[in-house]
PDB file of N, CA and C in Angstrom:
ATOM      1  N   MET A   1      -1.371 -23.318 -19.453  1.00  0.00           N
ATOM      2  CA  MET A   1      -2.820 -23.337 -19.389  1.00  0.00           C
ATOM      3  C   MET A   1      -3.332 -23.922 -20.707  1.00  0.00           C
ATOM      4  N   SER A   2      -4.288 -24.807 -20.593  1.00  0.00           N
ATOM      5  CA  SER A   2      -4.831 -25.447 -21.791  1.00  0.00           C
ATOM      6  C   SER A   2      -5.765 -24.485 -22.531  1.00  0.00           C
ATOM      7  N   ILE A   3      -6.078 -24.834 -23.752  1.00  0.00           N
ATOM      8  CA  ILE A   3      -7.007 -24.028 -24.555  1.00  0.00           C
ATOM      9  C   ILE A   3      -8.368 -23.975 -23.871  1.00  0.00           C
ATOM     10  N   GLN A   4      -8.802 -25.117 -23.333  1.00  0.00           N
ATOM     11  CA  GLN A   4     -10.096 -25.155 -22.637  1.00  0.00           C
ATOM     12  C   GLN A   4     -10.093 -24.226 -21.420  1.00  0.00           C
ATOM     13  N   GLN A   5      -8.999 -24.228 -20.681  1.00  0.00           N
ATOM     14  CA  GLN A   5      -8.909 -23.351 -19.514  1.00  0.00           C
ATOM     15  C   GLN A   5      -8.914 -21.883 -19.932  1.00  0.00           C
ATOM     16  N   THR A   6      -8.189 -21.584 -21.001  1.00  0.00           N
ATOM     17  CA  THR A   6      -8.137 -20.212 -21.503  1.00  0.00           C
ATOM     18  C   THR A   6      -9.521 -19.744 -21.928  1.00  0.00           C
ATOM     19  N   GLU A   7     -10.233 -20.599 -22.633  1.00  0.00           N
ATOM     20  CA  GLU A   7     -11.584 -20.253 -23.081  1.00  0.00           C
ATOM     21  C   GLU A   7     -12.533 -20.097 -21.895  1.00  0.00           C
ATOM     22  N   ALA A   8     -12.418 -20.995 -20.909  1.00  0.00           N
ATOM     23  CA  ALA A   8     -13.274 -20.915 -19.723  1.00  0.00           C
ATOM     24  C   ALA A   8     -12.971 -19.644 -18.931  1.00  0.00           C
ATOM     25  N   LEU A   9     -11.700 -19.303 -18.835  1.00  0.00           N
ATOM     26  CA  LEU A   9     -11.308 -18.085 -18.135  1.00  0.00           C
ATOM     27  C   LEU A   9     -11.877 -16.857 -18.829  1.00  0.00           C
ATOM     28  N   ALA A  10     -11.721 -16.797 -20.137  1.00  0.00           N
ATOM     29  CA  ALA A  10     -12.237 -15.657 -20.902  1.00  0.00           C
ATOM     30  C   ALA A  10     -13.753 -15.545 -20.746  1.00  0.00           C
ATOM     31  N   ALA A  11     -14.443 -16.679 -20.774  1.00  0.00           N
ATOM     32  CA  ALA A  11     -15.898 -16.670 -20.622  1.00  0.00           C
ATOM     33  C   ALA A  11     -16.297 -16.188 -19.225  1.00  0.00           C
ATOM     34  N   ALA A  12     -15.610 -16.676 -18.207  1.00  0.00           N
ATOM     35  CA  ALA A  12     -15.925 -16.275 -16.832  1.00  0.00           C
ATOM     36  C   ALA A  12     -15.690 -14.783 -16.636  1.00  0.00           C
ATOM     37  N   ILE A  13     -14.606 -14.290 -17.182  1.00  0.00           N
ATOM     38  CA  ILE A  13     -14.292 -12.863 -17.051  1.00  0.00           C
ATOM     39  C   ILE A  13     -15.323 -12.019 -17.788  1.00  0.00           C
ATOM     40  N   HIS A  14     -15.737 -12.476 -18.952  1.00  0.00           N
ATOM     41  CA  HIS A  14     -16.769 -11.757 -19.703  1.00  0.00           C
ATOM     42  C   HIS A  14     -18.083 -11.748 -18.916  1.00  0.00           C
ATOM     43  N   GLU A  15     -18.429 -12.875 -18.296  1.00  0.00           N
ATOM     44  CA  GLU A  15     -19.655 -12.951 -17.494  1.00  0.00           C
ATOM     45  C   GLU A  15     -19.601 -12.012 -16.286  1.00  0.00           C
ATOM     46  N   LEU A  16     -18.395 -11.730 -15.816  1.00  0.00           N
ATOM     47  CA  LEU A  16     -18.233 -10.799 -14.698  1.00  0.00           C
ATOM     48  C   LEU A  16     -18.324  -9.342 -15.135  1.00  0.00           C
ATOM     49  N   GLY A  17     -18.459  -9.138 -16.444  1.00  0.00           N
ATOM     50  CA  GLY A  17     -18.650  -7.787 -16.952  1.00  0.00           C
ATOM     51  C   GLY A  17     -17.411  -7.119 -17.512  1.00  0.00           C
ATOM     52  N   TYR A  18     -16.351  -7.866 -17.686  1.00  0.00           N
ATOM     53  CA  TYR A  18     -15.113  -7.308 -18.238  1.00  0.00           C
ATOM     54  C   TYR A  18     -15.022  -7.637 -19.720  1.00  0.00           C
ATOM     55  N   ASP A  19     -14.436  -6.708 -20.479  1.00  0.00           N
ATOM     56  CA  ASP A  19     -14.303  -6.896 -21.919  1.00  0.00           C
ATOM     57  C   ASP A  19     -13.209  -7.885 -22.291  1.00  0.00           C
ATOM     58  N   SER A  20     -12.200  -7.997 -21.418  1.00  0.00           N
ATOM     59  CA  SER A  20     -11.063  -8.860 -21.755  1.00  0.00           C
ATOM     60  C   SER A  20     -10.347  -9.304 -20.486  1.00  0.00           C
ATOM     61  N   VAL A  21      -9.479 -10.285 -20.669  1.00  0.00           N
ATOM     62  CA  VAL A  21      -8.644 -10.745 -19.563  1.00  0.00           C
ATOM     63  C   VAL A  21      -7.749  -9.597 -19.097  1.00  0.00           C
ATOM     64  N   ASP A  22      -7.246  -8.807 -20.041  1.00  0.00           N
ATOM     65  CA  ASP A  22      -6.397  -7.664 -19.687  1.00  0.00           C
ATOM     66  C   ASP A  22      -7.147  -6.643 -18.838  1.00  0.00           C
ATOM     67  N   ALA A  23      -8.387  -6.350 -19.199  1.00  0.00           N
ATOM     68  CA  ALA A  23      -9.186  -5.388 -18.430  1.00  0.00           C
ATOM     69  C   ALA A  23      -9.430  -5.909 -17.015  1.00  0.00           C
ATOM     70  N   PHE A  24      -9.696  -7.198 -16.913  1.00  0.00           N
ATOM     71  CA  PHE A  24      -9.894  -7.824 -15.610  1.00  0.00           C
ATOM     72  C   PHE A  24      -8.612  -7.761 -14.782  1.00  0.00           C
ATOM     73  N   ALA A  25      -7.492  -8.124 -15.398  1.00  0.00           N
ATOM     74  CA  ALA A  25      -6.205  -8.117 -14.699  1.00  0.00           C
ATOM     75  C   ALA A  25      -5.848  -6.707 -14.238  1.00  0.00           C
ATOM     76  N   LEU A  26      -6.087  -5.725 -15.077  1.00  0.00           N
ATOM     77  CA  LEU A  26      -5.801  -4.338 -14.723  1.00  0.00           C
ATOM     78  C   LEU A  26      -6.612  -3.914 -13.505  1.00  0.00           C
ATOM     79  N   GLU A  27      -7.890  -4.217 -13.514  1.00  0.00           N
ATOM     80  CA  GLU A  27      -8.753  -3.831 -12.393  1.00  0.00           C
ATOM     81  C   GLU A  27      -8.342  -4.545 -11.111  1.00  0.00           C
ATOM     82  N   LYS A  28      -8.030  -5.815 -11.208  1.00  0.00           N
ATOM     83  CA  LYS A  28      -7.626  -6.579 -10.022  1.00  0.00           C
ATOM     84  C   LYS A  28      -6.270  -6.112  -9.500  1.00  0.00           C
ATOM     85  N   ALA A  29      -5.362  -5.735 -10.380  1.00  0.00           N
ATOM     86  CA  ALA A  29      -4.058  -5.212  -9.952  1.00  0.00           C
ATOM     87  C   ALA A  29      -4.246  -3.895  -9.204  1.00  0.00           C
ATOM     88  N   LYS A  30      -5.089  -3.018  -9.731  1.00  0.00           N
ATOM     89  CA  LYS A  30      -5.351  -1.743  -9.052  1.00  0.00           C
ATOM     90  C   LYS A  30      -6.007  -1.983  -7.692  1.00  0.00           C
ATOM     91  N   GLU A  31      -6.920  -2.926  -7.649  1.00  0.00           N
ATOM     92  CA  GLU A  31      -7.591  -3.265  -6.393  1.00  0.00           C
ATOM     93  C   GLU A  31      -6.572  -3.777  -5.362  1.00  0.00           C
ATOM     94  N   ALA A  32      -5.673  -4.648  -5.785  1.00  0.00           N
ATOM     95  CA  ALA A  32      -4.651  -5.189  -4.881  1.00  0.00           C
ATOM     96  C   ALA A  32      -3.719  -4.087  -4.388  1.00  0.00           C
ATOM     97  N   LEU A  33      -3.360  -3.164  -5.263  1.00  0.00           N
ATOM     98  CA  LEU A  33      -2.489  -2.056  -4.866  1.00  0.00           C
ATOM     99  C   LEU A  33      -3.182  -1.129  -3.874  1.00  0.00           C
ATOM    100  N   ARG A  34      -4.476  -0.896  -4.067  1.00  0.00           N
ATOM    101  CA  ARG A  34      -5.221  -0.054  -3.118  1.00  0.00           C
ATOM    102  C   ARG A  34      -5.283  -0.714  -1.736  1.00  0.00           C
ATOM    103  N   ILE A  35      -5.458  -2.023  -1.725  1.00  0.00           N
ATOM    104  CA  ILE A  35      -5.469  -2.755  -0.456  1.00  0.00           C
ATOM    105  C   ILE A  35      -4.101  -2.651   0.211  1.00  0.00           C
ATOM    106  N   GLU A  36      -3.047  -2.846  -0.572  1.00  0.00           N
ATOM    107  CA  GLU A  36      -1.686  -2.740  -0.051  1.00  0.00           C
ATOM    108  C   GLU A  36      -1.436  -1.343   0.522  1.00  0.00           C
ATOM    109  N   MET A  37      -1.866  -0.315  -0.200  1.00  0.00           N
ATOM    110  CA  MET A  37      -1.685   1.053   0.273  1.00  0.00           C
ATOM    111  C   MET A  37      -2.450   1.269   1.579  1.00  0.00           C
ATOM    112  N   GLY A  38      -3.626   0.707   1.673  1.00  0.00           N
ATOM    113  CA  GLY A  38      -4.414   0.833   2.894  1.00  0.00           C
ATOM    114  C   GLY A  38      -3.716   0.223   4.102  1.00  0.00           C
ATOM    115  N   ILE A  39      -3.040  -0.889   3.889  1.00  0.00           N
ATOM    116  CA  ILE A  39      -2.301  -1.535   4.973  1.00  0.00           C
ATOM    117  C   ILE A  39      -1.172  -0.628   5.447  1.00  0.00           C
ATOM    118  N   TYR A  40      -0.411  -0.088   4.504  1.00  0.00           N
ATOM    119  CA  TYR A  40       0.678   0.823   4.871  1.00  0.00           C
ATOM    120  C   TYR A  40       0.142   2.092   5.532  1.00  0.00           C
ATOM    121  N   GLN A  41      -0.962   2.609   5.007  1.00  0.00           N
ATOM    122  CA  GLN A  41      -1.539   3.829   5.579  1.00  0.00           C
ATOM    123  C   GLN A  41      -2.016   3.584   7.004  1.00  0.00           C
ATOM    124  N   GLN A  42      -2.557   2.403   7.255  1.00  0.00           N
ATOM    125  CA  GLN A  42      -2.991   2.061   8.613  1.00  0.00           C
ATOM    126  C   GLN A  42      -1.802   2.054   9.572  1.00  0.00           C
ATOM    127  N   GLU A  43      -0.678   1.513   9.121  1.00  0.00           N
ATOM    128  CA  GLU A  43       0.524   1.514   9.961  1.00  0.00           C
ATOM    129  C   GLU A  43       0.993   2.942  10.240  1.00  0.00           C
ATOM    130  N   VAL A  44       0.959   3.791   9.218  1.00  0.00           N
ATOM    131  CA  VAL A  44       1.350   5.194   9.400  1.00  0.00           C
ATOM    132  C   VAL A  44       0.424   5.861  10.416  1.00  0.00           C
ATOM    133  N   THR A  45      -0.861   5.621  10.291  1.00  0.00           N
ATOM    134  CA  THR A  45      -1.836   6.191  11.224  1.00  0.00           C
ATOM    135  C   THR A  45      -1.564   5.732  12.652  1.00  0.00           C
ATOM    136  N   GLU A  46      -1.195   4.460  12.806  1.00  0.00           N
ATOM    137  CA  GLU A  46      -0.878   3.952  14.143  1.00  0.00           C
ATOM    138  C   GLU A  46       0.327   4.682  14.736  1.00  0.00           C
ATOM    139  N   PHE A  47       1.351   4.934  13.927  1.00  0.00           N
ATOM    140  CA  PHE A  47       2.510   5.687  14.416  1.00  0.00           C
ATOM    141  C   PHE A  47       2.122   7.132  14.748  1.00  0.00           C
ATOM    142  N   GLU A  48       1.314   7.738  13.885  1.00  0.00           N
ATOM    143  CA  GLU A  48       0.878   9.114  14.141  1.00  0.00           C
ATOM    144  C   GLU A  48       0.085   9.200  15.441  1.00  0.00           C
ATOM    145  N   ASN A  49      -0.745   8.208  15.690  1.00  0.00           N
ATOM    146  CA  ASN A  49      -1.513   8.186  16.935  1.00  0.00           C
ATOM    147  C   ASN A  49      -0.610   7.926  18.141  1.00  0.00           C
ATOM    148  N   LYS A  50       0.330   7.021  17.984  1.00  0.00           N
ATOM    149  CA  LYS A  50       1.235   6.678  19.082  1.00  0.00           C
ATOM    150  C   LYS A  50       2.056   7.889  19.518  1.00  0.00           C
ATOM    151  N   TYR A  51       2.602   8.603  18.540  1.00  0.00           N
ATOM    152  CA  TYR A  51       3.477   9.735  18.850  1.00  0.00           C
ATOM    153  C   TYR A  51       2.753  11.085  18.820  1.00  0.00           C
ATOM    154  N   GLU A  52       1.488  11.059  18.401  1.00  0.00           N
ATOM    155  CA  GLU A  52       0.650  12.259  18.333  1.00  0.00           C
ATOM    156  C   GLU A  52       1.270  13.334  17.451  1.00  0.00           C
ATOM    157  N   MET A  53       1.827  12.899  16.318  1.00  0.00           N
ATOM    158  CA  MET A  53       2.442  13.825  15.360  1.00  0.00           C
ATOM    159  C   MET A  53       2.692  13.088  14.054  1.00  0.00           C
ATOM    160  N   ASN A  54       2.972  13.864  13.011  1.00  0.00           N
ATOM    161  CA  ASN A  54       3.320  13.248  11.732  1.00  0.00           C
ATOM    162  C   ASN A  54       4.808  12.903  11.720  1.00  0.00           C
ATOM    163  N   PHE A  55       5.255  12.255  10.648  1.00  0.00           N
ATOM    164  CA  PHE A  55       6.632  11.766  10.593  1.00  0.00           C
ATOM    165  C   PHE A  55       7.649  12.899  10.628  1.00  0.00           C
ATOM    166  N   GLN A  56       7.370  13.978   9.912  1.00  0.00           N
ATOM    167  CA  GLN A  56       8.308  15.102   9.896  1.00  0.00           C
ATOM    168  C   GLN A  56       8.496  15.673  11.298  1.00  0.00           C
ATOM    169  N   SER A  57       7.402  15.835  12.019  1.00  0.00           N
ATOM    170  CA  SER A  57       7.491  16.323  13.402  1.00  0.00           C
ATOM    171  C   SER A  57       8.231  15.324  14.281  1.00  0.00           C
ATOM    172  N   PHE A  58       7.987  14.046  14.042  1.00  0.00           N
ATOM    173  CA  PHE A  58       8.688  12.999  14.793  1.00  0.00           C
ATOM    174  C   PHE A  58      10.197  13.140  14.617  1.00  0.00           C
ATOM    175  N   LEU A  59      10.630  13.354  13.375  1.00  0.00           N
ATOM    176  CA  LEU A  59      12.063  13.518  13.119  1.00  0.00           C
ATOM    177  C   LEU A  59      12.618  14.753  13.821  1.00  0.00           C
ATOM    178  N   GLU A  60      11.863  15.836  13.752  1.00  0.00           N
ATOM    179  CA  GLU A  60      12.314  17.092  14.356  1.00  0.00           C
ATOM    180  C   GLU A  60      12.381  17.014  15.881  1.00  0.00           C
ATOM    181  N   LYS A  61      11.468  16.256  16.476  1.00  0.00           N
ATOM    182  CA  LYS A  61      11.371  16.190  17.938  1.00  0.00           C
ATOM    183  C   LYS A  61      11.956  14.900  18.514  1.00  0.00           C
ATOM    184  N   PHE A  62      12.613  14.109  17.679  1.00  0.00           N
ATOM    185  CA  PHE A  62      13.088  12.780  18.067  1.00  0.00           C
ATOM    186  C   PHE A  62      13.786  12.780  19.429  1.00  0.00           C
ATOM    187  N   ASP A  63      14.752  13.645  19.604  1.00  0.00           N
ATOM    188  CA  ASP A  63      15.545  13.649  20.838  1.00  0.00           C
ATOM    189  C   ASP A  63      14.757  14.100  22.064  1.00  0.00           C
ATOM    190  N   SER A  64      13.712  14.872  21.851  1.00  0.00           N
ATOM    191  CA  SER A  64      12.942  15.377  22.995  1.00  0.00           C
ATOM    192  C   SER A  64      11.775  14.461  23.382  1.00  0.00           C
ATOM    193  N   ILE A  65      11.534  13.411  22.609  1.00  0.00           N
ATOM    194  CA  ILE A  65      10.462  12.460  22.939  1.00  0.00           C
ATOM    195  C   ILE A  65      10.994  11.533  24.034  1.00  0.00           C
ATOM    196  N   ILE A  66      10.441  11.667  25.229  1.00  0.00           N
ATOM    197  CA  ILE A  66      10.943  10.868  26.355  1.00  0.00           C
ATOM    198  C   ILE A  66       9.969   9.773  26.793  1.00  0.00           C
ATOM    199  N   LYS A  67       8.790   9.783  26.220  1.00  0.00           N
ATOM    200  CA  LYS A  67       7.777   8.794  26.583  1.00  0.00           C
ATOM    201  C   LYS A  67       8.175   7.386  26.132  1.00  0.00           C
ATOM    202  N   PHE A  68       9.035   7.302  25.111  1.00  0.00           N
ATOM    203  CA  PHE A  68       9.449   6.021  24.550  1.00  0.00           C
ATOM    204  C   PHE A  68      10.971   5.938  24.562  1.00  0.00           C
ATOM    205  N   GLY A  69      11.488   4.726  24.685  1.00  0.00           N
ATOM    206  CA  GLY A  69      12.928   4.520  24.713  1.00  0.00           C
ATOM    207  C   GLY A  69      13.573   4.724  23.353  1.00  0.00           C
ATOM    208  N   LEU A  70      14.885   4.877  23.371  1.00  0.00           N
ATOM    209  CA  LEU A  70      15.646   5.142  22.154  1.00  0.00           C
ATOM    210  C   LEU A  70      15.474   4.035  21.119  1.00  0.00           C
ATOM    211  N   PHE A  71      15.613   2.778  21.538  1.00  0.00           N
ATOM    212  CA  PHE A  71      15.511   1.673  20.583  1.00  0.00           C
ATOM    213  C   PHE A  71      14.115   1.600  19.969  1.00  0.00           C
ATOM    214  N   GLU A  72      13.101   1.818  20.790  1.00  0.00           N
ATOM    215  CA  GLU A  72      11.723   1.802  20.281  1.00  0.00           C
ATOM    216  C   GLU A  72      11.518   2.920  19.264  1.00  0.00           C
ATOM    217  N   LYS A  73      12.010   4.106  19.583  1.00  0.00           N
ATOM    218  CA  LYS A  73      11.874   5.242  18.654  1.00  0.00           C
ATOM    219  C   LYS A  73      12.626   4.971  17.357  1.00  0.00           C
ATOM    220  N   GLU A  74      13.830   4.415  17.464  1.00  0.00           N
ATOM    221  CA  GLU A  74      14.607   4.121  16.255  1.00  0.00           C
ATOM    222  C   GLU A  74      13.910   3.076  15.396  1.00  0.00           C
ATOM    223  N   ASP A  75      13.426   2.008  16.032  1.00  0.00           N
ATOM    224  CA  ASP A  75      12.707   0.968  15.289  1.00  0.00           C
ATOM    225  C   ASP A  75      11.452   1.532  14.634  1.00  0.00           C
ATOM    226  N   ASP A  76      10.681   2.288  15.410  1.00  0.00           N
ATOM    227  CA  ASP A  76       9.461   2.888  14.872  1.00  0.00           C
ATOM    228  C   ASP A  76       9.783   3.841  13.728  1.00  0.00           C
ATOM    229  N   GLY A  77      10.835   4.635  13.901  1.00  0.00           N
ATOM    230  CA  GLY A  77      11.215   5.578  12.853  1.00  0.00           C
ATOM    231  C   GLY A  77      11.568   4.886  11.549  1.00  0.00           C
ATOM    232  N   MET A  78      12.316   3.782  11.641  1.00  0.00           N
ATOM    233  CA  MET A  78      12.681   3.040  10.422  1.00  0.00           C
ATOM    234  C   MET A  78      11.454   2.428   9.762  1.00  0.00           C
ATOM    235  N   GLU A  79      10.580   1.848  10.577  1.00  0.00           N
ATOM    236  CA  GLU A  79       9.375   1.234  10.023  1.00  0.00           C
ATOM    237  C   GLU A  79       8.431   2.290   9.450  1.00  0.00           C
ATOM    238  N   TRP A  80       8.289   3.398  10.141  1.00  0.00           N
ATOM    239  CA  TRP A  80       7.437   4.501   9.700  1.00  0.00           C
ATOM    240  C   TRP A  80       7.928   5.018   8.357  1.00  0.00           C
ATOM    241  N   ARG A  81       9.243   5.268   8.261  1.00  0.00           N
ATOM    242  CA  ARG A  81       9.834   5.748   7.009  1.00  0.00           C
ATOM    243  C   ARG A  81       9.601   4.732   5.876  1.00  0.00           C
ATOM    244  N   ALA A  82       9.764   3.448   6.183  1.00  0.00           N
ATOM    245  CA  ALA A  82       9.562   2.402   5.176  1.00  0.00           C
ATOM    246  C   ALA A  82       8.110   2.379   4.692  1.00  0.00           C
ATOM    247  N   CYS A  83       7.172   2.561   5.606  1.00  0.00           N
ATOM    248  CA  CYS A  83       5.753   2.591   5.225  1.00  0.00           C
ATOM    249  C   CYS A  83       5.460   3.775   4.314  1.00  0.00           C
ATOM    250  N   LEU A  84       6.007   4.929   4.652  1.00  0.00           N
ATOM    251  CA  LEU A  84       5.791   6.116   3.816  1.00  0.00           C
ATOM    252  C   LEU A  84       6.397   5.922   2.431  1.00  0.00           C
ATOM    253  N   LYS A  85       7.570   5.315   2.365  1.00  0.00           N
ATOM    254  CA  LYS A  85       8.206   5.048   1.072  1.00  0.00           C
ATOM    255  C   LYS A  85       7.378   4.037   0.284  1.00  0.00           C
ATOM    256  N   ALA A  86       6.874   3.017   0.962  1.00  0.00           N
ATOM    257  CA  ALA A  86       6.043   2.016   0.295  1.00  0.00           C
ATOM    258  C   ALA A  86       4.780   2.653  -0.271  1.00  0.00           C
ATOM    259  N   ILE A  87       4.184   3.581   0.470  1.00  0.00           N
ATOM    260  CA  ILE A  87       2.991   4.282  -0.019  1.00  0.00           C
ATOM    261  C   ILE A  87       3.324   5.050  -1.292  1.00  0.00           C
ATOM    262  N   GLU A  88       4.463   5.733  -1.301  1.00  0.00           N
ATOM    263  CA  GLU A  88       4.889   6.464  -2.508  1.00  0.00           C
ATOM    264  C   GLU A  88       5.038   5.520  -3.698  1.00  0.00           C
ATOM    265  N   LEU A  89       5.657   4.369  -3.473  1.00  0.00           N
ATOM    266  CA  LEU A  89       5.867   3.410  -4.559  1.00  0.00           C
ATOM    267  C   LEU A  89       4.544   2.856  -5.078  1.00  0.00           C
ATOM    268  N   VAL A  90       3.644   2.528  -4.160  1.00  0.00           N
ATOM    269  CA  VAL A  90       2.339   2.001  -4.564  1.00  0.00           C
ATOM    270  C   VAL A  90       1.550   3.071  -5.307  1.00  0.00           C
ATOM    271  N   GLU A  91       1.597   4.318  -4.825  1.00  0.00           N
ATOM    272  CA  GLU A  91       0.910   5.414  -5.520  1.00  0.00           C
ATOM    273  C   GLU A  91       1.440   5.570  -6.938  1.00  0.00           C
ATOM    274  N   SER A  92       2.743   5.441  -7.103  1.00  0.00           N
ATOM    275  CA  SER A  92       3.354   5.552  -8.423  1.00  0.00           C
ATOM    276  C   SER A  92       2.871   4.434  -9.346  1.00  0.00           C
ATOM    277  N   LYS A  93       2.815   3.226  -8.820  1.00  0.00           N
ATOM    278  CA  LYS A  93       2.319   2.094  -9.614  1.00  0.00           C
ATOM    279  C   LYS A  93       0.863   2.313 -10.008  1.00  0.00           C
ATOM    280  N   LEU A  94       0.056   2.768  -9.054  1.00  0.00           N
ATOM    281  CA  LEU A  94      -1.357   3.032  -9.344  1.00  0.00           C
ATOM    282  C   LEU A  94      -1.515   4.106 -10.408  1.00  0.00           C
ATOM    283  N   LYS A  95      -0.739   5.170 -10.287  1.00  0.00           N
ATOM    284  CA  LYS A  95      -0.816   6.254 -11.266  1.00  0.00           C
ATOM    285  C   LYS A  95      -0.494   5.727 -12.659  1.00  0.00           C
ATOM    286  N   THR A  96       0.526   4.898 -12.751  1.00  0.00           N
ATOM    287  CA  THR A  96       0.898   4.319 -14.041  1.00  0.00           C
ATOM    288  C   THR A  96      -0.237   3.469 -14.598  1.00  0.00           C
ATOM    289  N   LEU A  97      -0.870   2.683 -13.757  1.00  0.00           N
ATOM    290  CA  LEU A  97      -1.960   1.822 -14.216  1.00  0.00           C
ATOM    291  C   LEU A  97      -3.213   2.614 -14.566  1.00  0.00           C
ATOM    292  N   GLU A  98      -3.399   3.769 -13.943  1.00  0.00           N
ATOM    293  CA  GLU A  98      -4.603   4.561 -14.182  1.00  0.00           C
ATOM    294  C   GLU A  98      -4.465   5.525 -15.350  1.00  0.00           C
ATOM    295  N   ASP A  99      -3.246   5.771 -15.804  1.00  0.00           N
ATOM    296  CA  ASP A  99      -3.040   6.684 -16.946  1.00  0.00           C
ATOM    297  C   ASP A  99      -3.384   6.018 -18.258  1.00  0.00           C
TER     298      ASP A  99
END
C-alpha cells in the first residue's frame, strides 16, 4: 500500500468516527464474527426445529427417531455438531477481542 493510500485510509476511518485503523479493524472483525455466529446459530435452529429437540436430546434419542432415515440423521448429526463447535470457536474469538 502506498503512503497516499495509507493516509487516505486513515483519514476515511477517522471520518467514520474511529480513532485508528486498529480500532476500525477490531470493530469490523467483531462484526464479521457476530455475522458468522448468526449463520451457524441459524443452522442449529433449523436442526432444532426439524427434530423438535436440542442436540443433546437428538443424541440420546437418535435410534428412536424414525421420522428420518439413518443416513439423513447421521449427516444432520455431523453437521449439527460442527455448527455447535463452530459457535464455540467464534465465541472464543469474540471473547478474546472483547477483553
